[in-house]
C-alpha atoms as a PDB file:
ATOM      1  CA  UNK A   1      40.258  -6.287 -11.617  1.00  0.00           C
ATOM      2  CA  UNK A   2      37.416  -4.147 -10.647  1.00  0.00           C
ATOM      3  CA  UNK A   3      33.799  -5.172  -9.731  1.00  0.00           C
ATOM      4  CA  UNK A   4      30.743  -3.235 -10.823  1.00  0.00           C
ATOM      5  CA  UNK A   5      27.728  -3.077  -8.668  1.00  0.00           C
ATOM      6  CA  UNK A   6      24.185  -1.772  -8.716  1.00  0.00           C
ATOM      7  CA  UNK A   7      22.182  -1.921  -5.513  1.00  0.00           C
ATOM      8  CA  UNK A   8      18.883  -0.480  -4.327  1.00  0.00           C
ATOM      9  CA  UNK A   9      16.163  -0.771  -1.911  1.00  0.00           C
ATOM     10  CA  UNK A  10      12.605   0.740  -1.269  1.00  0.00           C
ATOM     11  CA  UNK A  11       9.624   0.485   0.915  1.00  0.00           C
ATOM     12  CA  UNK A  12       6.258   0.236  -0.904  1.00  0.00           C
ATOM     13  CA  UNK A  13       3.335   1.167   1.451  1.00  0.00           C
ATOM     14  CA  UNK A  14       0.255  -0.982   1.540  1.00  0.00           C
ATOM     15  CA  UNK A  15      -1.656   1.998   0.097  1.00  0.00           C
ATOM     16  CA  UNK A  16       0.154   1.616  -3.210  1.00  0.00           C
ATOM     17  CA  UNK A  17      -1.071  -1.979  -3.718  1.00  0.00           C
ATOM     18  CA  UNK A  18      -4.384  -3.651  -3.673  1.00  0.00           C
ATOM     19  CA  UNK A  19      -5.072  -6.043  -0.825  1.00  0.00           C
ATOM     20  CA  UNK A  20      -2.924  -9.026  -1.387  1.00  0.00           C
ATOM     21  CA  UNK A  21      -0.523  -7.214  -3.776  1.00  0.00           C
ATOM     22  CA  UNK A  22       2.530  -7.446  -1.613  1.00  0.00           C
ATOM     23  CA  UNK A  23       2.171 -11.137  -1.219  1.00  0.00           C
ATOM     24  CA  UNK A  24       1.306 -11.587  -4.970  1.00  0.00           C
ATOM     25  CA  UNK A  25       4.664  -9.825  -5.777  1.00  0.00           C
ATOM     26  CA  UNK A  26       6.563 -12.274  -3.535  1.00  0.00           C
ATOM     27  CA  UNK A  27       4.764 -15.168  -5.196  1.00  0.00           C
ATOM     28  CA  UNK A  28       5.709 -13.894  -8.631  1.00  0.00           C
ATOM     29  CA  UNK A  29       9.360 -13.646  -7.687  1.00  0.00           C
ATOM     30  CA  UNK A  30       9.066 -17.208  -6.123  1.00  0.00           C
ATOM     31  CA  UNK A  31       7.719 -18.464  -9.431  1.00  0.00           C
ATOM     32  CA  UNK A  32      10.729 -17.071 -11.254  1.00  0.00           C
ATOM     33  CA  UNK A  33      13.031 -18.719  -8.731  1.00  0.00           C
ATOM     34  CA  UNK A  34      11.131 -22.059  -8.997  1.00  0.00           C
ATOM     35  CA  UNK A  35      11.348 -22.059 -12.768  1.00  0.00           C
ATOM     36  CA  UNK A  36      15.148 -21.414 -12.596  1.00  0.00           C
ATOM     37  CA  UNK A  37      15.730 -24.248 -10.222  1.00  0.00           C
ATOM     38  CA  UNK A  38      13.489 -26.576 -12.143  1.00  0.00           C
ATOM     39  CA  UNK A  39      14.939 -25.824 -15.613  1.00  0.00           C
ATOM     40  CA  UNK A  40      18.456 -24.652 -14.733  1.00  0.00           C
ATOM     41  CA  UNK A  41      17.856 -21.589 -16.901  1.00  0.00           C
ATOM     42  CA  UNK A  42      15.007 -19.271 -17.724  1.00  0.00           C
ATOM     43  CA  UNK A  43      13.301 -19.048 -21.115  1.00  0.00           C
ATOM     44  CA  UNK A  44      10.590 -16.977 -22.840  1.00  0.00           C
ATOM     45  CA  UNK A  45       9.480 -13.861 -21.030  1.00  0.00           C
ATOM     46  CA  UNK A  46      11.622 -14.889 -17.926  1.00  0.00           C
ATOM     47  CA  UNK A  47      14.903 -15.418 -19.916  1.00  0.00           C
ATOM     48  CA  UNK A  48      16.369 -12.108 -18.798  1.00  0.00           C
ATOM     49  CA  UNK A  49      15.353 -12.439 -15.100  1.00  0.00           C
ATOM     50  CA  UNK A  50      17.850 -13.135 -12.494  1.00  0.00           C
ATOM     51  CA  UNK A  51      15.936 -14.605  -9.518  1.00  0.00           C
ATOM     52  CA  UNK A  52      18.760 -14.089  -6.992  1.00  0.00           C
ATOM     53  CA  UNK A  53      19.217 -10.456  -7.779  1.00  0.00           C
ATOM     54  CA  UNK A  54      15.971  -9.142  -6.439  1.00  0.00           C
ATOM     55  CA  UNK A  55      14.503  -9.768  -3.012  1.00  0.00           C
ATOM     56  CA  UNK A  56      10.905  -9.021  -1.888  1.00  0.00           C
ATOM     57  CA  UNK A  57       9.393  -9.229   1.597  1.00  0.00           C
ATOM     58  CA  UNK A  58       5.743  -8.619   2.404  1.00  0.00           C
ATOM     59  CA  UNK A  59       4.621  -7.434   5.782  1.00  0.00           C
ATOM     60  CA  UNK A  60       1.506  -8.468   7.604  1.00  0.00           C
ATOM     61  CA  UNK A  61       0.167  -4.981   6.974  1.00  0.00           C
ATOM     62  CA  UNK A  62       0.432  -5.372   3.189  1.00  0.00           C
ATOM     63  CA  UNK A  63       3.574  -3.266   2.785  1.00  0.00           C
ATOM     64  CA  UNK A  64       6.405  -4.444   0.479  1.00  0.00           C
ATOM     65  CA  UNK A  65      10.209  -4.165   0.829  1.00  0.00           C
ATOM     66  CA  UNK A  66      12.132  -4.453  -2.378  1.00  0.00           C
ATOM     67  CA  UNK A  67      15.914  -4.878  -2.355  1.00  0.00           C
ATOM     68  CA  UNK A  68      18.551  -5.867  -4.826  1.00  0.00           C
ATOM     69  CA  UNK A  69      20.695  -8.886  -4.528  1.00  0.00           C
ATOM     70  CA  UNK A  70      24.169  -8.610  -3.017  1.00  0.00           C
ATOM     71  CA  UNK A  71      25.844  -7.072  -6.057  1.00  0.00           C
ATOM     72  CA  UNK A  72      23.166  -6.570  -8.734  1.00  0.00           C
ATOM     73  CA  UNK A  73      19.664  -5.154  -9.070  1.00  0.00           C
ATOM     74  CA  UNK A  74      17.757  -7.119 -11.811  1.00  0.00           C
ATOM     75  CA  UNK A  75      15.636  -4.528 -13.553  1.00  0.00           C
ATOM     76  CA  UNK A  76      14.113  -7.332 -15.811  1.00  0.00           C
ATOM     77  CA  UNK A  77      12.783  -9.165 -12.714  1.00  0.00           C
ATOM     78  CA  UNK A  78      11.295  -5.891 -11.377  1.00  0.00           C
ATOM     79  CA  UNK A  79       9.701  -5.047 -14.681  1.00  0.00           C
ATOM     80  CA  UNK A  80       8.170  -8.563 -14.994  1.00  0.00           C
ATOM     81  CA  UNK A  81       6.767  -8.357 -11.471  1.00  0.00           C
ATOM     82  CA  UNK A  82       5.295  -4.930 -12.123  1.00  0.00           C
ATOM     83  CA  UNK A  83       3.749  -6.279 -15.343  1.00  0.00           C
ATOM     84  CA  UNK A  84       2.168  -9.203 -13.630  1.00  0.00           C
ATOM     85  CA  UNK A  85       0.891  -7.053 -10.734  1.00  0.00           C
ATOM     86  CA  UNK A  86      -0.701  -4.671 -13.230  1.00  0.00           C
ATOM     87  CA  UNK A  87      -2.318  -7.394 -15.144  1.00  0.00           C
ATOM     88  CA  UNK A  88      -4.107  -8.473 -11.889  1.00  0.00           C
ATOM     89  CA  UNK A  89      -4.885  -4.873 -11.165  1.00  0.00           C
ATOM     90  CA  UNK A  90      -2.915  -4.932  -7.924  1.00  0.00           C
ATOM     91  CA  UNK A  91      -1.055  -1.603  -8.363  1.00  0.00           C
ATOM     92  CA  UNK A  92      -3.122   1.341  -7.012  1.00  0.00           C
ATOM     93  CA  UNK A  93      -0.476   4.028  -6.888  1.00  0.00           C
ATOM     94  CA  UNK A  94       2.815   4.199  -8.576  1.00  0.00           C
ATOM     95  CA  UNK A  95       6.040   3.484  -6.559  1.00  0.00           C
ATOM     96  CA  UNK A  96       9.668   3.577  -7.283  1.00  0.00           C
ATOM     97  CA  UNK A  97      13.143   2.341  -6.349  1.00  0.00           C
ATOM     98  CA  UNK A  98      16.440   4.162  -6.577  1.00  0.00           C
ATOM     99  CA  UNK A  99      19.405   2.061  -7.610  1.00  0.00           C
ATOM    100  CA  UNK A 100      23.091   3.226  -7.156  1.00  0.00           C
ATOM    101  CA  UNK A 101      25.697   2.225  -9.660  1.00  0.00           C
ATOM    102  CA  UNK A 102      29.285   1.957  -8.477  1.00  0.00           C
ATOM    103  CA  UNK A 103      32.602   0.270  -8.827  1.00  0.00           C
ATOM    104  CA  UNK A 104      35.166  -1.210  -6.555  1.00  0.00           C
ATOM    105  CA  UNK A 105      37.803   0.780  -8.386  1.00  0.00           C
ATOM    106  CA  UNK A 106      37.728   4.610  -8.903  1.00  0.00           C
ATOM    107  CA  UNK A 107      36.718   5.320 -12.455  1.00  0.00           C
ATOM    108  CA  UNK A 108      35.908   8.869 -13.570  1.00  0.00           C
ATOM    109  CA  UNK A 109      32.413   9.340 -14.803  1.00  0.00           C
ATOM    110  CA  UNK A 110      31.303   5.761 -14.158  1.00  0.00           C
ATOM    111  CA  UNK A 111      29.237   6.354 -11.090  1.00  0.00           C
ATOM    112  CA  UNK A 112      25.638   7.282 -10.895  1.00  0.00           C
ATOM    113  CA  UNK A 113      22.357   5.680 -10.449  1.00  0.00           C
ATOM    114  CA  UNK A 114      18.825   5.001 -11.842  1.00  0.00           C
ATOM    115  CA  UNK A 115      15.338   5.597 -10.570  1.00  0.00           C
ATOM    116  CA  UNK A 116      12.605   3.226 -11.755  1.00  0.00           C
ATOM    117  CA  UNK A 117       8.974   4.150 -11.241  1.00  0.00           C
ATOM    118  CA  UNK A 118       6.336   1.348 -11.454  1.00  0.00           C
ATOM    119  CA  UNK A 119       3.054   2.742 -12.830  1.00  0.00           C
ATOM    120  CA  UNK A 120      -0.456   1.151 -12.344  1.00  0.00           C
ATOM    121  CA  UNK A 121      -0.706   0.277 -16.010  1.00  0.00           C
ATOM    122  CA  UNK A 122       2.328  -1.987 -15.615  1.00  0.00           C
ATOM    123  CA  UNK A 123       4.797   0.298 -17.424  1.00  0.00           C
ATOM    124  CA  UNK A 124       8.085   1.302 -15.782  1.00  0.00           C
ATOM    125  CA  UNK A 125       9.505   4.860 -16.241  1.00  0.00           C
ATOM    126  CA  UNK A 126      13.381   5.120 -15.902  1.00  0.00           C
ATOM    127  CA  UNK A 127      15.574   8.063 -15.188  1.00  0.00           C
ATOM    128  CA  UNK A 128      19.314   7.491 -15.549  1.00  0.00           C
ATOM    129  CA  UNK A 129      21.657   9.779 -13.637  1.00  0.00           C
ATOM    130  CA  UNK A 130      25.388   9.740 -14.266  1.00  0.00           C
ATOM    131  CA  UNK A 131      27.795  12.519 -14.672  1.00  0.00           C
ATOM    132  CA  UNK A 132      27.811  12.660 -18.440  1.00  0.00           C
ATOM    133  CA  UNK A 133      24.291  11.535 -19.172  1.00  0.00           C
ATOM    134  CA  UNK A 134      22.657  14.983 -19.633  1.00  0.00           C
ATOM    135  CA  UNK A 135      23.542  17.828 -22.109  1.00  0.00           C
ATOM    136  CA  UNK A 136      23.676  21.404 -20.869  1.00  0.00           C
ATOM    137  CA  UNK A 137      20.323  22.113 -22.426  1.00  0.00           C
ATOM    138  CA  UNK A 138      18.765  19.137 -20.650  1.00  0.00           C
ATOM    139  CA  UNK A 139      20.159  20.305 -17.353  1.00  0.00           C
ATOM    140  CA  UNK A 140      18.880  23.895 -17.813  1.00  0.00           C
ATOM    141  CA  UNK A 141      15.439  22.523 -18.727  1.00  0.00           C
ATOM    142  CA  UNK A 142      15.461  20.532 -15.521  1.00  0.00           C
ATOM    143  CA  UNK A 143      16.431  23.704 -13.506  1.00  0.00           C
ATOM    144  CA  UNK A 144      13.500  25.558 -15.074  1.00  0.00           C
ATOM    145  CA  UNK A 145      11.057  22.742 -14.158  1.00  0.00           C
ATOM    146  CA  UNK A 146      12.491  22.648 -10.548  1.00  0.00           C
ATOM    147  CA  UNK A 147      13.737  19.117 -11.152  1.00  0.00           C
ATOM    148  CA  UNK A 148      17.355  20.348 -10.671  1.00  0.00           C
ATOM    149  CA  UNK A 149      18.775  23.653  -9.485  1.00  0.00           C
ATOM    150  CA  UNK A 150      21.927  25.732 -10.007  1.00  0.00           C
ATOM    151  CA  UNK A 151      24.333  26.155  -7.106  1.00  0.00           C
END
């Protein structure tokens, strides 16, 4: 039996968030956790969140550390937090997190990652990267735009 994992971490500088934004993000995640403990499951807009699969830590300077849980990065929790921060106009500059996807057993073409970029308007842009996720034309277009390069 193999186990699949997705883990990531990032540092969001205080300059990307309005004053109090880092603590607000932590408070939003705490609300998700409290709802889960209180109800035993999450419903409505929180139903796809996994409170233990995302960790946030605000620093005294207003920076924010975002990490995944031990085995799983909860994109839904990340997107919910971004949405709520944007509603309060607490995102000044976009910020992102890279997430690695891997397995405890070697499986051809099943490794890769994702990059999620939180935008000030509350949207999240995602780029998936795995060995077979791009066509030749897409890769050549990326080379032309300096997003990728030929060796």
